[in-house]
Amino acid sequence: MAKILFKRTTPFSEVCGFVVADEYGEYERCDDDSDFGLYFRRESNQIVTMVSLCHYHTIYQESVWVGENSRES
């Protein structure tokens, strides 16, 4: 499994970009102010993705990536 490389920086937009599907398949977006921006990509992929997130969703997403990176291949 390729590692996910990420870096925290200043936000790219004013509003958090975290989106999740609810139990009905409808998408809900967080409408909190952005606190951080994240650059990320998979180690085997040269495409860099950028997203702005509120403090809560930044910590949430980073913990998911740390967990994925700690799994053995």
Protein backbone atom coordinates (compact mmCIF):
# COMPACT_ATOMS: atom_id res chain seq x y z
CA MET A 1 0.00 0.00 0.00
CA ALA A 2 1.36 3.42 -0.94
CA LYS A 3 1.84 5.88 1.89
CA ILE A 4 -0.18 9.09 1.96
CA LEU A 5 2.07 12.14 2.14
CA PHE A 6 0.51 15.29 3.59
CA LYS A 7 1.46 18.73 4.84
CA ARG A 8 -0.53 21.28 6.82
CA THR A 9 -0.48 24.91 5.65
CA THR A 10 -2.64 28.03 5.55
CA PRO A 11 -6.21 27.56 4.23
CA PHE A 12 -6.96 27.87 0.51
CA SER A 13 -10.59 28.94 0.99
CA GLU A 14 -12.65 30.52 3.76
CA VAL A 15 -15.01 27.57 4.35
CA CYS A 16 -14.19 23.98 5.36
CA GLY A 17 -14.29 21.59 2.41
CA PHE A 18 -15.13 18.40 4.36
CA VAL A 19 -18.02 16.51 2.76
CA VAL A 20 -19.67 13.31 4.00
CA ALA A 21 -22.65 11.26 2.81
CA ASP A 22 -25.43 10.75 5.35
CA GLU A 23 -27.46 7.54 5.77
CA TYR A 24 -29.72 8.56 2.85
CA GLY A 25 -26.86 9.14 0.43
CA GLU A 26 -27.23 12.90 0.62
CA TYR A 27 -24.01 14.87 0.86
CA GLU A 28 -23.49 17.21 3.79
CA ARG A 29 -20.72 19.79 3.81
CA CYS A 30 -19.17 21.32 6.91
CA ASP A 31 -19.87 25.07 6.92
CA ASP A 32 -17.33 26.08 9.59
CA ASP A 33 -14.54 28.52 8.81
CA SER A 34 -11.32 26.97 7.51
CA ASP A 35 -8.36 26.89 9.88
CA PHE A 36 -5.84 24.92 7.82
CA GLY A 37 -5.07 23.82 4.30
CA LEU A 38 -3.74 20.36 3.51
CA TYR A 39 -1.67 19.25 0.54
CA PHE A 40 -1.77 15.50 0.07
CA ARG A 41 -0.97 12.73 -2.40
CA ARG A 42 -0.29 9.04 -2.45
CA GLU A 43 3.40 8.19 -2.60
CA SER A 44 2.92 6.40 -5.95
CA ASN A 45 0.89 9.25 -7.49
CA GLN A 46 2.19 12.61 -8.67
CA ILE A 47 -1.23 14.31 -8.44
CA VAL A 48 -1.30 16.70 -5.49
CA THR A 49 -4.68 17.49 -3.95
CA MET A 50 -5.33 20.57 -1.82
CA VAL A 51 -8.22 21.05 0.60
CA SER A 52 -9.15 23.58 3.29
CA LEU A 53 -10.55 22.22 6.54
CA CYS A 54 -11.76 23.47 9.91
CA HIS A 55 -9.71 22.52 12.97
CA TYR A 56 -11.91 19.50 13.81
CA HIS A 57 -11.82 18.00 10.31
CA THR A 58 -8.08 18.67 9.91
CA ILE A 59 -7.35 16.61 13.04
CA TYR A 60 -9.87 13.96 11.94
CA GLN A 61 -8.38 13.62 8.43
CA GLU A 62 -4.77 13.62 9.62
CA SER A 63 -5.57 10.83 12.12
CA VAL A 64 -7.11 8.75 9.30
CA TRP A 65 -3.97 9.20 7.17
CA VAL A 66 -1.64 8.43 10.09
CA GLY A 67 -3.64 5.22 10.68
CA GLU A 68 -3.46 4.26 7.01
CA ASN A 69 0.28 4.98 6.91
CA SER A 70 0.91 2.81 9.96
CA ARG A 71 -0.70 -0.31 8.43
CA GLU A 72 1.71 -2.91 7.19
CA SER A 73 1.73 -3.65 3.43
